[in-house]
Amino acid sequence: MEAIHGRENMQRKLSFERAKTEYIHRFTADFVPNWARQQRDDGTYYAPQFASDREWYENTRFHGEDGHIGTRNNCYTTGQTWPLGKSLAAPYRR
C-alpha cells in the first residue's frame, strides 16, 4: 500500500489503482463520470474537481484512514483544486 501524502508513516487502505476502480463518481481531468455530463439548473456544466486522478487520490481519505468522515462505502475528499474553474459553458471532454 502507498503512504498518505505528507503522512509517510500512515499506510493507505486502498491502492491508487483499486481506488480508481471502486470510486467511479470522482470527477477529474482524467475521469469524467456520467453525472458530469448533465447540465445544471443555471445552464452551466460541472467542471473537474482535480487536474488528475492522482491529485484526487492524494486529497481523499478512505474508510479506516485518519481524517475519513462518512460511512464504510464513502470516501472523503477535500482540497479540490478546480483547474478549470467551478463551472463550464459546455460539458468537459477529455
Protein backbone atom coordinates (compact mmCIF):
# COMPACT_ATOMS: atom_id res chain seq x y z
CA MET A 1 0.00 0.00 0.00
CA GLU A 2 1.00 3.58 -0.51
CA ALA A 3 1.69 6.16 2.17
CA ILE A 4 -0.63 9.14 2.53
CA HIS A 5 0.95 12.26 1.05
CA GLY A 6 2.50 14.23 3.89
CA ARG A 7 1.96 11.33 6.29
CA GLU A 8 4.55 8.84 5.13
CA ASN A 9 4.15 6.72 8.27
CA MET A 10 0.43 6.05 7.58
CA GLN A 11 -0.40 3.41 5.00
CA ARG A 12 -3.32 3.84 2.59
CA LYS A 13 -6.25 1.45 2.95
CA LEU A 14 -6.74 1.33 -0.82
CA SER A 15 -4.11 1.40 -3.52
CA PHE A 16 -4.36 4.09 -6.17
CA GLU A 17 -5.49 1.58 -8.81
CA ARG A 18 -8.14 0.00 -6.58
CA ALA A 19 -9.48 3.40 -5.51
CA LYS A 20 -9.93 4.41 -9.17
CA THR A 21 -11.86 1.20 -9.82
CA GLU A 22 -14.11 1.46 -6.76
CA TYR A 23 -14.86 5.20 -6.78
CA ILE A 24 -16.47 5.86 -10.14
CA HIS A 25 -18.11 9.16 -9.20
CA ARG A 26 -14.90 11.20 -8.90
CA PHE A 27 -14.55 13.99 -11.47
CA THR A 28 -11.01 14.72 -12.57
CA ALA A 29 -9.42 15.80 -15.83
CA ASP A 30 -8.56 12.08 -16.23
CA PHE A 31 -12.01 10.65 -15.46
CA VAL A 32 -15.46 12.00 -16.34
CA PRO A 33 -18.40 10.35 -14.56
CA ASN A 34 -21.82 10.22 -16.19
CA TRP A 35 -23.30 12.80 -13.81
CA ALA A 36 -20.81 15.42 -15.01
CA ARG A 37 -22.41 15.49 -18.46
CA GLN A 38 -25.70 16.80 -17.00
CA GLN A 39 -26.49 20.47 -17.38
CA ARG A 40 -27.10 22.26 -14.09
CA ASP A 41 -30.19 24.35 -13.34
CA ASP A 42 -28.28 27.54 -14.15
CA GLY A 43 -27.36 26.28 -17.64
CA THR A 44 -23.70 25.59 -16.83
CA TYR A 45 -21.89 22.28 -16.52
CA TYR A 46 -19.77 20.80 -13.77
CA ALA A 47 -16.01 21.21 -14.00
CA PRO A 48 -13.33 18.70 -12.94
CA GLN A 49 -12.52 18.97 -9.25
CA PHE A 50 -8.91 17.88 -9.72
CA ALA A 51 -6.32 18.01 -12.52
CA SER A 52 -5.65 14.27 -12.28
CA ASP A 53 -6.75 11.05 -10.64
CA ARG A 54 -3.51 11.10 -8.65
CA GLU A 55 -4.32 14.54 -7.25
CA TRP A 56 -7.82 13.29 -6.30
CA TYR A 57 -6.31 10.24 -4.57
CA GLU A 58 -3.86 12.32 -2.57
CA ASN A 59 -6.71 14.55 -1.34
CA THR A 60 -9.10 11.71 -0.49
CA ARG A 61 -9.44 9.62 2.66
CA PHE A 62 -11.00 6.17 2.69
CA HIS A 63 -12.72 4.19 5.44
CA GLY A 64 -10.21 3.35 8.18
CA GLU A 65 -7.82 6.23 7.39
CA ASP A 66 -7.25 9.24 9.64
CA GLY A 67 -9.44 12.12 8.52
CA HIS A 68 -12.14 9.95 6.91
CA ILE A 69 -15.65 11.23 7.52
CA GLY A 70 -18.56 9.10 6.39
CA THR A 71 -19.61 5.50 6.11
CA ARG A 72 -17.65 2.45 5.06
CA ASN A 73 -18.66 2.88 1.41
CA ASN A 74 -17.85 6.58 1.17
CA CYS A 75 -14.63 8.42 0.55
CA TYR A 76 -13.95 11.89 1.95
CA THR A 77 -12.35 14.39 -0.39
CA THR A 78 -11.08 17.88 0.41
CA GLY A 79 -8.75 20.37 -1.23
CA GLN A 80 -10.35 20.44 -4.66
CA THR A 81 -8.17 22.50 -6.99
CA TRP A 82 -10.79 23.26 -9.70
CA PRO A 83 -8.18 23.52 -12.50
CA LEU A 84 -10.75 24.90 -14.99
CA GLY A 85 -12.88 26.84 -12.50
CA LYS A 86 -16.05 25.61 -10.81
CA SER A 87 -18.38 25.66 -13.80
CA LEU A 88 -18.15 25.35 -17.57
CA ALA A 89 -20.23 26.63 -20.51
CA ALA A 90 -20.18 23.16 -22.12
CA PRO A 91 -19.64 19.62 -20.82
CA TYR A 92 -15.99 18.79 -20.10
CA ARG A 93 -14.41 16.41 -22.60
CA ARG A 94 -11.08 14.71 -22.09
